[in-house]
Amino acid sequence: MVRTGEQYLAGLRDSRNVVYDGRLIEDVTTEPGFRRTAKAVAQFYDFQNDPNLQDLMTYETEDGDRAGMAFIEPRSIEDLRRRGDAMAAWAEVTCGLMGRSPDYMNSVMMAIGAKEEAWGYLDKQIGVNARQSYLDARRNDSCITHTIVPMFGDKSVPAEERDTTLREVDIGSEGPILTGAKGVGTLAVFSDLNVLFGAFGLPEDGDPAQAISAVHPVAADGLFWVCRDTFDGEKSEFDAPLSSRGLDEMDTVAIYENAEFKKSNFFVYRDVANANALMMHMKFFDTIGQHILVRYIAKTRFMLGLAHLLAESSQVNQFFNVQERLGEFATWLEALEALYTAAIEGAFRDPDNGLFYPNRKAVMSAIRLFAEWNRQMISHFISIGASGLVSVPQEKTLDMFSENIGKYFSGAGGQDSKERVSLFRMAWDLAGSSWGGRNELYERFFTGDSQRAIANTYLRMDKSEAVDIIRRMLLPGENGHPFPLPEKFGGPALPPLVEDTEECLD
C-alpha cells in the first residue's frame, strides 16, 4: 500500500506521548510549531501518489502491490539508480533541507530485513522477526525514525556502565520491558515506527540486557518523546522562507520507563555478538549513504543558487574574493556529483543476499567532507550578505511603506525591494536563525564527530601500498633506468614492514 498524505496524518492521531514545554501534546497535526512539519511529511506521501510519478517514486513488489521506491531490495545497479532517482526527486522538492524524510529510514528497514540469516544465527525466529518487520513497514508504507545515541552525561564513564543506558529490566506478559533513554529521535513525533538500536561496541562479556535492537511503534505505553524547543515560529513564508515550510523535523530524547514490547519486535535480543556486528550486518552507512548523497547534492545546488542571487542583488559578484567563494560552492557541488557517480557505478554485490550496496568509500568520503563544506558555505553566506542580513524588514513593514520609502530596500539593477529582501531573509533563515543553527549542527554531527571520523579514516586505512611507493623510490634505479620498478612489474621485492600498532580513536 502506498499511503496518501491524509492517511499518513490520520495515523499520527494516536496515543503517542509527546512531551513539549511541560505538557503532553494531544495532536501533532494541529499543534502550533509542529503542524507544518506534519503537513510537509504528508506532502511526501501525496508526491509519491501522483499518478504521473508512480513509476519514479514506487515499484511493484513480489506481492503484486506497490511500495515506496526506498523500500526496494536492489538486485542490480539499475535498481540502485531507480532508488536514487526517487530520492533525488523528493530532495529536489525540499531543496535537500529535509534530512529525515521517510525515504531515509525506509531504506534502512530494507537493510535490516535483508539480513535475516545474520540476525537469526542463534535463534531463527529473531531473523524471521527482522524480515517481517521490514515487510510490515513496506506494506503499511510506514514513516520511521531511529534512536541510536546513548544519553550524554558523564562521558568519563563508559556508556554501558551508566544507569541511564537503555536495557531490558524484566519480562512482562507481552514481552521484554525496557528502561533507559536514547537519542536522538529526529522526526520521531511525526513517525509511525522507531528502530531502536541498542548498545554496540560492548565487551565480549558485556551485559546482554543492553544487547537489544527492535522495531516498535512510536506510540507505546511507558515511552515518552521529550522535545527540544520548536524552531518553527509560525511566521509567514516571506518572513521565514525556509523554516516556515515544515522543515523543523524536531529532535527528541526517547525515555523508556518500563515500556513493554512484543518479543516479535526484536531483531537483536540479548545477543552481544550480533549487537556488536549491528552496523556491519546492515551495511548501515552504505545503505543510507545514497539518500545522504542525493540530499547533499540538492542542498548544495540550492545553496549555490541562493549565494549567486544574493551576490548578484548587490553586484558584489563582480569582486574576485566573492567569485572565489561562489566558485567553491560550484566545486563542492561538482565533487558531490562525482562521488555519487562513484558510489553507484562502483557499487558492490553482497554474496550473502545478492543485493547491491553503494560504494562505501565514496559514501563515507562525502559524509566526512560535507560536514566541513556545509560549515564553510554558511560562513560564505555571512560574508556575502554582511550587514544586509540584519537590515531587512518584515513583509508587513514593506507593505506599509510607500514606493518612495520602499526603494531603500531595492537591489542592484532596479531589483524590486520585496524580491531583494526575500533573498536576504532566506539567507538569514539558513545562516542565522535558530532553525538555521540547528540545521548547521545537524550536518556537523550527522554521523558523530567529523574530525574523529577523518582521523579514523587514516588510522583504519591500509597504508601499505602508499608506503611501498616511498620505500621503492628510496632504492637506486637499475639497468641505467632512473625509476626502480614495482615488484609486480618485475622490480625487486621489498622487505616486510614492522607490524602497524596504531589504534582508532573511538
Protein backbone atom coordinates (compact mmCIF):
# COMPACT_ATOMS: atom_id res chain seq x y z
CA MET A 1 0.00 0.00 0.00
CA VAL A 2 1.21 3.47 -0.85
CA ARG A 3 -0.39 5.88 1.62
CA THR A 4 -1.82 9.30 0.86
CA GLY A 5 -0.92 12.36 2.88
CA GLU A 6 -4.28 12.29 4.61
CA GLN A 7 -3.85 8.66 5.60
CA TYR A 8 -0.43 9.48 7.00
CA LEU A 9 -1.80 12.38 9.08
CA ALA A 10 -4.62 10.20 10.40
CA GLY A 11 -2.01 7.72 11.63
CA LEU A 12 -0.37 10.40 13.78
CA ARG A 13 -3.55 10.92 15.79
CA ASP A 14 -2.89 8.15 18.28
CA SER A 15 -1.76 7.71 21.89
CA ARG A 16 1.89 8.76 21.43
CA ASN A 17 3.43 10.53 24.42
CA VAL A 18 4.96 13.72 23.04
CA VAL A 19 6.29 15.98 25.80
CA TYR A 20 6.80 19.66 24.97
CA ASP A 21 7.23 22.60 27.32
CA GLY A 22 5.95 20.74 30.36
CA ARG A 23 2.87 19.14 28.82
CA LEU A 24 1.72 16.28 26.63
CA ILE A 25 0.77 17.33 23.12
CA GLU A 26 -2.58 15.86 22.14
CA ASP A 27 -2.25 16.11 18.36
CA VAL A 28 0.97 16.97 16.49
CA THR A 29 -1.03 17.58 13.30
CA THR A 30 -2.73 20.63 14.84
CA GLU A 31 -0.17 21.82 17.44
CA PRO A 32 1.44 25.21 16.57
CA GLY A 33 5.14 24.72 15.86
CA PHE A 34 4.52 21.08 14.88
CA ARG A 35 1.63 21.08 12.43
CA ARG A 36 3.54 22.43 9.45
CA THR A 37 6.14 19.67 9.70
CA ALA A 38 3.35 17.09 9.75
CA LYS A 39 2.00 18.64 6.55
CA ALA A 40 5.45 18.68 4.96
CA VAL A 41 5.85 14.95 5.56
CA ALA A 42 2.30 14.39 4.32
CA GLN A 43 3.31 16.07 1.07
CA PHE A 44 5.91 13.34 0.56
CA TYR A 45 3.15 10.73 0.61
CA ASP A 46 0.98 12.75 -1.79
CA PHE A 47 4.00 13.24 -4.03
CA GLN A 48 4.63 9.51 -4.38
CA ASN A 49 0.89 9.01 -5.01
CA ASP A 50 0.89 11.34 -8.01
CA PRO A 51 -0.15 9.10 -10.97
CA ASN A 52 2.38 10.88 -13.18
CA LEU A 53 5.18 9.98 -10.75
CA GLN A 54 4.15 6.41 -9.94
CA ASP A 55 6.98 4.72 -11.84
CA LEU A 56 9.52 7.19 -10.46
CA MET A 57 8.51 7.03 -6.81
CA THR A 58 7.15 3.48 -6.39
CA TYR A 59 7.74 -0.05 -7.62
CA GLU A 60 5.77 -3.28 -7.89
CA THR A 61 6.71 -5.76 -5.15
CA GLU A 62 6.84 -9.53 -5.34
CA ASP A 63 3.39 -9.48 -3.67
CA GLY A 64 1.95 -7.62 -6.63
CA ASP A 65 1.26 -4.37 -4.75
CA ARG A 66 3.19 -1.10 -4.95
CA ALA A 67 5.63 0.27 -2.40
CA GLY A 68 7.75 3.37 -1.99
CA MET A 69 10.96 3.07 -4.01
CA ALA A 70 13.14 3.45 -0.89
CA PHE A 71 11.93 0.01 0.26
CA ILE A 72 13.25 -1.74 -2.86
CA GLU A 73 15.79 -4.55 -2.42
CA PRO A 74 18.37 -3.59 -5.07
CA ARG A 75 19.24 -6.68 -7.10
CA SER A 76 21.15 -4.72 -9.72
CA ILE A 77 22.92 -1.40 -10.14
CA GLU A 78 19.90 -0.32 -12.15
CA ASP A 79 17.75 -0.83 -9.03
CA LEU A 80 20.16 1.44 -7.14
CA ARG A 81 19.78 4.06 -9.86
CA ARG A 82 15.99 3.82 -9.62
CA ARG A 83 16.09 4.23 -5.86
CA GLY A 84 18.45 7.18 -6.20
CA ASP A 85 16.23 8.86 -8.80
CA ALA A 86 13.25 8.67 -6.43
CA MET A 87 15.27 10.03 -3.52
CA ALA A 88 16.68 12.80 -5.69
CA ALA A 89 13.19 13.83 -6.82
CA TRP A 90 11.99 14.47 -3.27
CA ALA A 91 15.31 16.06 -2.32
CA GLU A 92 14.81 18.49 -5.20
CA VAL A 93 11.32 19.36 -3.93
CA THR A 94 12.67 20.12 -0.43
CA CYS A 95 15.98 21.65 -1.64
CA GLY A 96 17.85 18.98 0.32
CA LEU A 97 16.75 20.58 3.59
CA MET A 98 14.64 17.69 4.90
CA GLY A 99 17.23 15.29 6.26
CA ARG A 100 14.83 12.71 7.67
CA SER A 101 12.13 12.36 5.04
CA PRO A 102 10.52 8.89 5.08
CA ASP A 103 12.76 7.55 2.30
CA TYR A 104 15.77 7.91 4.62
CA MET A 105 14.89 5.20 7.14
CA ASN A 106 12.78 3.13 4.75
CA SER A 107 15.97 2.04 3.01
CA VAL A 108 17.41 1.09 6.42
CA MET A 109 14.36 -1.08 7.09
CA MET A 110 15.17 -2.85 3.84
CA ALA A 111 18.75 -3.37 5.03
CA ILE A 112 17.51 -4.87 8.31
CA GLY A 113 15.09 -7.22 6.56
CA ALA A 114 17.76 -8.31 4.09
CA LYS A 115 19.91 -9.86 6.82
CA GLU A 116 17.50 -12.44 8.21
CA GLU A 117 20.12 -15.17 8.44
CA ALA A 118 22.62 -12.97 10.28
CA TRP A 119 20.13 -11.89 12.95
CA GLY A 120 18.86 -15.42 13.36
CA TYR A 121 22.12 -17.33 13.58
CA LEU A 122 21.35 -18.37 17.19
CA ASP A 123 17.57 -18.18 17.08
CA LYS A 124 15.90 -18.40 13.66
CA GLN A 125 12.81 -16.66 14.97
CA ILE A 126 14.79 -13.48 15.60
CA GLY A 127 15.74 -13.44 11.91
CA VAL A 128 12.13 -14.02 10.95
CA ASN A 129 11.18 -11.06 13.15
CA ALA A 130 13.60 -8.81 11.26
CA ARG A 131 12.26 -9.88 7.87
CA GLN A 132 8.66 -9.49 8.98
CA SER A 133 9.30 -6.01 10.42
CA TYR A 134 10.60 -4.92 7.02
CA LEU A 135 7.66 -6.43 5.14
CA ASP A 136 5.14 -4.87 7.54
CA ALA A 137 6.75 -1.44 7.25
CA ARG A 138 6.79 -1.73 3.46
CA ARG A 139 3.18 -2.88 3.21
CA ASN A 140 2.00 -0.16 5.62
CA ASP A 141 4.20 2.49 3.96
CA SER A 142 5.44 3.44 7.41
CA CYS A 143 7.26 6.60 8.37
CA ILE A 144 10.19 5.57 10.55
CA THR A 145 12.64 7.23 12.91
CA HIS A 146 15.57 5.71 14.77
CA THR A 147 17.28 6.13 18.13
CA ILE A 148 20.91 5.12 18.39
CA VAL A 149 22.83 7.55 20.63
CA PRO A 150 23.34 6.74 24.32
CA MET A 151 22.39 9.58 26.61
CA PHE A 152 25.22 12.02 27.24
CA GLY A 153 26.16 12.55 30.85
CA ASP A 154 29.45 11.64 32.42
CA LYS A 155 31.49 10.65 29.39
CA SER A 156 34.35 9.51 31.58
CA VAL A 157 32.12 6.54 32.37
CA PRO A 158 31.57 4.02 29.52
CA ALA A 159 28.02 4.19 28.17
CA GLU A 160 27.29 0.60 29.17
CA GLU A 161 28.03 1.45 32.82
CA ARG A 162 25.71 4.46 33.08
CA ASP A 163 22.38 3.95 34.80
CA THR A 164 20.66 5.94 32.02
CA THR A 165 21.65 3.39 29.37
CA LEU A 166 18.70 1.56 27.86
CA ARG A 167 18.35 -2.09 28.88
CA GLU A 168 15.87 -4.87 29.46
CA VAL A 169 14.79 -4.84 33.10
CA ASP A 170 12.11 -7.54 33.15
CA ILE A 171 9.81 -9.76 31.10
CA GLY A 172 6.11 -8.98 31.03
CA SER A 173 3.09 -10.84 29.67
CA GLU A 174 3.69 -9.40 26.21
CA GLY A 175 7.48 -9.46 26.16
CA PRO A 176 10.62 -7.57 27.23
CA ILE A 177 10.26 -4.50 29.45
CA LEU A 178 12.77 -1.71 28.76
CA THR A 179 14.01 1.20 30.86
CA GLY A 180 16.51 3.90 29.94
CA ALA A 181 16.95 6.68 27.41
CA LYS A 182 18.06 7.03 23.81
CA GLY A 183 18.68 9.90 21.42
CA VAL A 184 18.40 11.48 19.04
CA GLY A 185 14.92 10.71 17.75
CA THR A 186 14.69 13.14 14.84
CA LEU A 187 11.23 13.18 13.19
CA ALA A 188 10.10 10.75 15.88
CA VAL A 189 6.94 12.65 16.79
CA PHE A 190 5.93 12.52 13.11
CA SER A 191 6.77 8.83 12.63
CA ASP A 192 4.90 5.56 12.96
CA LEU A 193 7.79 3.32 13.99
CA ASN A 194 11.10 3.63 15.78
CA VAL A 195 14.14 1.49 15.05
CA LEU A 196 15.76 1.17 18.45
CA PHE A 197 19.44 0.38 18.14
CA GLY A 198 20.69 -0.90 21.47
CA ALA A 199 24.25 -0.82 22.73
CA PHE A 200 27.05 -1.93 20.44
CA GLY A 201 30.79 -1.99 20.94
CA LEU A 202 30.20 -4.00 24.10
CA PRO A 203 32.95 -6.18 25.60
CA GLU A 204 32.53 -9.90 24.85
CA ASP A 205 31.25 -10.46 28.38
CA GLY A 206 29.07 -7.33 28.22
CA ASP A 207 25.59 -7.09 29.69
CA PRO A 208 23.20 -8.97 27.35
CA ALA A 209 20.30 -6.88 28.70
CA GLN A 210 21.76 -3.97 26.71
CA ALA A 211 22.36 -6.05 23.56
CA ILE A 212 18.90 -5.46 22.13
CA SER A 213 17.53 -3.83 18.98
CA ALA A 214 13.90 -3.60 17.93
CA VAL A 215 11.40 -2.07 15.53
CA HIS A 216 8.50 -0.84 17.62
CA PRO A 217 5.60 1.65 17.47
CA VAL A 218 6.28 5.27 18.37
CA ALA A 219 3.03 5.18 20.32
CA ALA A 220 3.77 2.83 23.21
CA ASP A 221 2.87 2.85 26.89
CA GLY A 222 5.82 3.92 29.01
CA LEU A 223 7.63 5.58 26.09
CA PHE A 224 7.98 9.37 26.19
CA TRP A 225 9.38 11.59 23.42
CA VAL A 226 10.89 14.66 25.06
CA CYS A 227 11.15 17.56 22.58
CA ARG A 228 13.57 20.46 22.37
CA ASP A 229 12.27 23.96 21.56
CA THR A 230 10.42 24.19 18.29
CA PHE A 231 12.13 26.39 15.69
CA ASP A 232 9.00 26.95 13.64
CA GLY A 233 7.79 30.34 14.82
CA GLU A 234 4.65 30.13 12.67
CA LYS A 235 5.86 33.08 10.58
CA SER A 236 4.78 33.74 7.00
CA GLU A 237 6.64 32.15 4.11
CA PHE A 238 8.04 35.57 3.23
CA ASP A 239 9.35 36.33 6.70
CA ALA A 240 10.77 32.81 7.25
CA PRO A 241 11.18 31.40 3.72
CA LEU A 242 12.60 28.06 4.88
CA SER A 243 11.66 27.36 8.50
CA SER A 244 8.01 28.19 7.74
CA ARG A 245 7.71 25.26 5.33
CA GLY A 246 7.68 22.45 7.88
CA LEU A 247 11.42 21.80 7.83
CA ASP A 248 11.78 21.66 11.62
CA GLU A 249 11.88 17.88 11.93
CA MET A 250 12.05 18.08 15.74
CA ASP A 251 14.69 16.25 17.75
CA THR A 252 13.73 14.25 20.79
CA VAL A 253 15.07 12.10 23.59
CA ALA A 254 13.26 8.78 23.90
CA ILE A 255 12.68 7.86 27.54
CA TYR A 256 11.60 4.30 28.24
CA GLU A 257 10.01 3.87 31.66
CA ASN A 258 9.08 0.21 31.98
CA ALA A 259 7.93 0.17 28.36
CA GLU A 260 6.82 -3.29 27.29
CA PHE A 261 7.15 -4.64 23.75
CA LYS A 262 6.40 -7.89 21.98
CA LYS A 263 9.28 -10.30 21.52
CA SER A 264 8.49 -10.23 17.78
CA ASN A 265 9.58 -6.57 17.67
CA PHE A 266 13.21 -7.53 18.32
CA PHE A 267 15.82 -8.33 15.68
CA VAL A 268 18.66 -8.45 18.22
CA TYR A 269 17.78 -9.89 21.62
CA ARG A 270 20.30 -10.43 24.41
CA ASP A 271 22.95 -11.18 21.81
CA VAL A 272 26.23 -9.32 22.38
CA ALA A 273 27.91 -10.67 19.24
CA ASN A 274 25.08 -9.55 16.96
CA ALA A 275 24.74 -6.23 18.79
CA ASN A 276 28.40 -5.51 18.10
CA ALA A 277 28.01 -6.53 14.45
CA LEU A 278 24.92 -4.35 14.06
CA MET A 279 26.30 -1.78 11.62
CA MET A 280 28.26 -4.35 9.65
CA HIS A 281 25.25 -6.63 9.17
CA MET A 282 23.01 -3.80 7.96
CA LYS A 283 25.72 -2.08 5.96
CA PHE A 284 24.15 0.95 7.58
CA PHE A 285 26.17 3.77 6.05
CA ASP A 286 26.46 2.03 2.70
CA THR A 287 22.65 1.92 2.61
CA ILE A 288 21.67 5.36 3.89
CA GLY A 289 24.64 6.86 2.06
CA GLN A 290 22.66 7.01 -1.16
CA HIS A 291 19.97 9.15 0.46
CA ILE A 292 22.59 11.30 2.15
CA LEU A 293 24.49 11.93 -1.06
CA VAL A 294 21.47 12.88 -3.19
CA ARG A 295 20.33 15.21 -0.42
CA TYR A 296 23.78 16.80 -0.18
CA ILE A 297 23.71 17.41 -3.92
CA ALA A 298 20.26 19.01 -3.81
CA LYS A 299 21.17 21.14 -0.81
CA THR A 300 24.46 22.33 -2.29
CA ARG A 301 22.75 23.20 -5.58
CA PHE A 302 20.17 25.19 -3.61
CA MET A 303 22.88 26.97 -1.62
CA LEU A 304 24.83 27.78 -4.78
CA GLY A 305 21.72 29.30 -6.35
CA LEU A 306 20.94 31.35 -3.26
CA ALA A 307 24.53 32.56 -2.86
CA HIS A 308 24.66 33.56 -6.54
CA LEU A 309 21.40 35.55 -6.36
CA LEU A 310 22.41 37.11 -3.04
CA ALA A 311 25.69 38.33 -4.52
CA GLU A 312 24.04 39.44 -7.74
CA SER A 313 21.45 41.53 -5.90
CA SER A 314 24.18 43.92 -4.78
CA GLN A 315 26.64 43.14 -7.61
CA VAL A 316 29.34 42.01 -5.19
CA ASN A 317 29.84 39.06 -7.53
CA GLN A 318 31.95 41.49 -9.58
CA PHE A 319 34.67 41.20 -6.91
CA PHE A 320 37.24 38.44 -7.17
CA ASN A 321 37.09 37.41 -3.49
CA VAL A 322 33.33 36.84 -3.82
CA GLN A 323 33.79 34.99 -7.10
CA GLU A 324 36.25 32.70 -5.33
CA ARG A 325 33.66 31.90 -2.66
CA LEU A 326 31.00 31.26 -5.28
CA GLY A 327 33.48 29.09 -7.13
CA GLU A 328 33.87 26.97 -4.01
CA PHE A 329 30.10 26.35 -3.99
CA ALA A 330 30.36 25.18 -7.60
CA THR A 331 33.39 22.99 -6.85
CA TRP A 332 31.71 21.33 -3.86
CA LEU A 333 28.63 20.61 -5.97
CA GLU A 334 30.67 19.01 -8.74
CA ALA A 335 32.68 16.97 -6.23
CA LEU A 336 29.49 15.61 -4.65
CA GLU A 337 28.05 14.74 -8.05
CA ALA A 338 31.26 12.86 -8.88
CA LEU A 339 31.18 10.99 -5.56
CA TYR A 340 27.58 9.98 -6.21
CA THR A 341 28.53 8.57 -9.59
CA ALA A 342 31.37 6.65 -7.92
CA ALA A 343 29.03 5.39 -5.20
CA ILE A 344 26.56 3.90 -7.66
CA GLU A 345 28.77 2.80 -10.52
CA GLY A 346 31.24 1.36 -8.01
CA ALA A 347 28.50 -0.48 -6.09
CA PHE A 348 29.21 -3.96 -4.75
CA ARG A 349 27.09 -7.10 -4.51
CA ASP A 350 26.72 -8.78 -1.14
CA PRO A 351 27.23 -12.51 -1.79
CA ASP A 352 25.12 -13.41 1.26
CA ASN A 353 21.86 -11.92 -0.01
CA GLY A 354 22.61 -10.94 -3.61
CA LEU A 355 21.77 -7.26 -3.02
CA PHE A 356 23.75 -4.29 -4.29
CA TYR A 357 25.02 -1.56 -1.97
CA PRO A 358 26.61 1.81 -2.84
CA ASN A 359 30.39 2.06 -2.72
CA ARG A 360 31.31 2.69 0.91
CA LYS A 361 34.46 4.70 0.20
CA ALA A 362 32.58 7.19 -1.94
CA VAL A 363 29.74 7.45 0.57
CA MET A 364 31.94 7.95 3.61
CA SER A 365 34.18 10.45 1.82
CA ALA A 366 31.13 12.58 1.04
CA ILE A 367 29.80 12.38 4.59
CA ARG A 368 33.13 13.34 6.15
CA LEU A 369 33.81 16.17 3.73
CA PHE A 370 30.33 17.70 3.73
CA ALA A 371 30.38 18.31 7.47
CA GLU A 372 33.14 20.87 6.84
CA TRP A 373 31.91 22.07 3.44
CA ASN A 374 28.48 22.93 4.83
CA ARG A 375 30.08 24.97 7.60
CA GLN A 376 32.13 26.88 5.01
CA MET A 377 29.04 27.51 2.88
CA ILE A 378 27.25 29.03 5.87
CA SER A 379 30.30 31.20 6.53
CA HIS A 380 30.28 32.33 2.87
CA PHE A 381 26.62 33.38 3.18
CA ILE A 382 27.51 35.57 6.14
CA SER A 383 30.47 37.11 4.25
CA ILE A 384 28.44 37.76 1.09
CA GLY A 385 25.32 39.04 2.85
CA ALA A 386 27.24 41.02 5.51
CA SER A 387 25.15 43.66 7.27
CA GLY A 388 22.41 43.18 4.70
CA LEU A 389 21.39 40.02 6.54
CA VAL A 390 20.29 42.03 9.59
CA SER A 391 18.92 45.02 7.68
CA VAL A 392 15.75 43.52 6.30
CA PRO A 393 12.21 44.34 7.48
CA GLN A 394 9.17 42.10 7.62
CA GLU A 395 6.67 41.67 4.79
CA LYS A 396 4.01 43.78 6.54
CA THR A 397 6.52 46.58 7.06
CA LEU A 398 7.32 46.68 3.35
CA ASP A 399 3.61 46.69 2.58
CA MET A 400 3.14 49.63 4.92
CA PHE A 401 5.68 51.82 3.13
CA SER A 402 5.08 53.84 0.03
CA GLU A 403 7.25 53.26 -3.05
CA ASN A 404 9.43 56.23 -2.09
CA ILE A 405 10.45 54.59 1.18
CA GLY A 406 10.46 51.05 -0.16
CA LYS A 407 13.14 51.98 -2.69
CA TYR A 408 15.74 51.98 0.09
CA PHE A 409 15.49 48.19 0.22
CA SER A 410 15.71 47.58 -3.53
CA GLY A 411 18.59 45.73 -5.16
CA ALA A 412 21.03 46.37 -7.99
CA GLY A 413 19.68 46.90 -11.47
CA GLY A 414 16.29 48.05 -10.24
CA GLN A 415 15.54 44.81 -8.37
CA ASP A 416 12.24 45.10 -6.54
CA SER A 417 12.60 45.66 -2.78
CA LYS A 418 10.43 42.66 -1.91
CA GLU A 419 12.47 40.36 -4.12
CA ARG A 420 15.75 41.52 -2.62
CA VAL A 421 14.50 41.37 0.97
CA SER A 422 13.10 37.88 0.41
CA LEU A 423 16.53 36.66 -0.73
CA PHE A 424 18.25 38.12 2.32
CA ARG A 425 15.58 36.74 4.65
CA MET A 426 16.09 33.30 3.10
CA ALA A 427 19.84 33.55 3.60
CA TRP A 428 19.33 34.65 7.21
CA ASP A 429 16.90 31.79 7.83
CA LEU A 430 19.60 29.41 6.64
CA ALA A 431 22.65 31.03 8.24
CA GLY A 432 21.43 32.95 11.27
CA SER A 433 18.05 31.83 12.58
CA SER A 434 17.53 29.28 15.35
CA TRP A 435 16.33 26.81 12.73
CA GLY A 436 19.43 27.51 10.64
CA GLY A 437 21.67 26.96 13.66
CA ARG A 438 20.07 23.59 14.31
CA ASN A 439 20.47 22.71 10.62
CA GLU A 440 24.20 23.51 10.75
CA LEU A 441 24.60 21.45 13.94
CA TYR A 442 22.76 18.56 12.32
CA GLU A 443 25.14 18.49 9.35
CA ARG A 444 28.23 18.92 11.51
CA PHE A 445 27.49 15.96 13.77
CA PHE A 446 25.38 13.93 11.36
CA THR A 447 27.47 10.80 11.90
CA GLY A 448 29.29 11.94 15.02
CA ASP A 449 32.45 13.99 15.38
CA SER A 450 33.68 14.59 11.81
CA GLN A 451 37.25 15.28 12.96
CA ARG A 452 37.37 11.91 14.71
CA ALA A 453 35.86 10.24 11.65
CA ILE A 454 38.50 11.78 9.39
CA ALA A 455 41.29 10.78 11.78
CA ASN A 456 39.91 7.24 11.88
CA THR A 457 39.93 7.13 8.09
CA TYR A 458 43.69 7.50 8.32
CA LEU A 459 44.07 5.06 11.20
CA ARG A 460 41.93 2.34 9.63
CA MET A 461 43.28 2.63 6.11
CA ASP A 462 45.61 0.01 4.70
CA LYS A 463 48.58 2.27 4.02
CA SER A 464 50.94 -0.45 2.83
CA GLU A 465 50.57 0.35 -0.87
CA ALA A 466 51.25 4.06 -0.31
CA VAL A 467 54.21 3.29 1.94
CA ASP A 468 55.65 0.85 -0.57
CA ILE A 469 55.76 3.62 -3.17
CA ILE A 470 58.08 5.62 -0.92
CA ARG A 471 60.19 2.61 0.01
CA ARG A 472 60.61 1.75 -3.65
CA MET A 473 61.60 5.31 -4.55
CA LEU A 474 64.33 5.22 -1.90
CA LEU A 475 66.02 2.48 -3.93
CA PRO A 476 68.50 3.28 -6.73
CA GLY A 477 67.47 2.83 -10.34
CA GLU A 478 68.56 -0.33 -12.20
CA ASN A 479 69.99 -1.10 -15.62
CA GLY A 480 70.53 2.56 -16.40
CA HIS A 481 66.89 3.47 -15.75
CA PRO A 482 66.12 6.17 -13.17
CA PHE A 483 62.92 4.61 -11.78
CA PRO A 484 63.06 1.34 -9.83
CA LEU A 485 60.16 -0.86 -10.95
CA PRO A 486 57.35 -2.02 -8.63
CA GLU A 487 57.64 -5.71 -7.76
CA LYS A 488 54.51 -6.56 -9.79
CA PHE A 489 56.26 -5.23 -12.91
CA GLY A 490 59.47 -7.18 -12.31
CA GLY A 491 61.18 -4.94 -9.76
CA PRO A 492 62.89 -6.04 -6.54
CA ALA A 493 60.88 -7.40 -3.61
CA LEU A 494 60.66 -5.05 -0.65
CA PRO A 495 61.39 -6.42 2.83
CA PRO A 496 58.31 -6.84 5.09
CA LEU A 497 57.32 -3.92 7.30
CA VAL A 498 57.15 -3.99 11.08
CA GLU A 499 53.52 -4.53 12.24
CA ASP A 500 51.49 -1.28 12.48
CA THR A 501 50.40 -0.54 16.07
CA GLU A 502 48.04 2.40 15.51
CA GLU A 503 44.67 2.39 17.25
CA CYS A 504 41.41 4.05 16.30
CA LEU A 505 40.21 6.98 18.35
CA ASP A 506 36.78 5.58 19.14
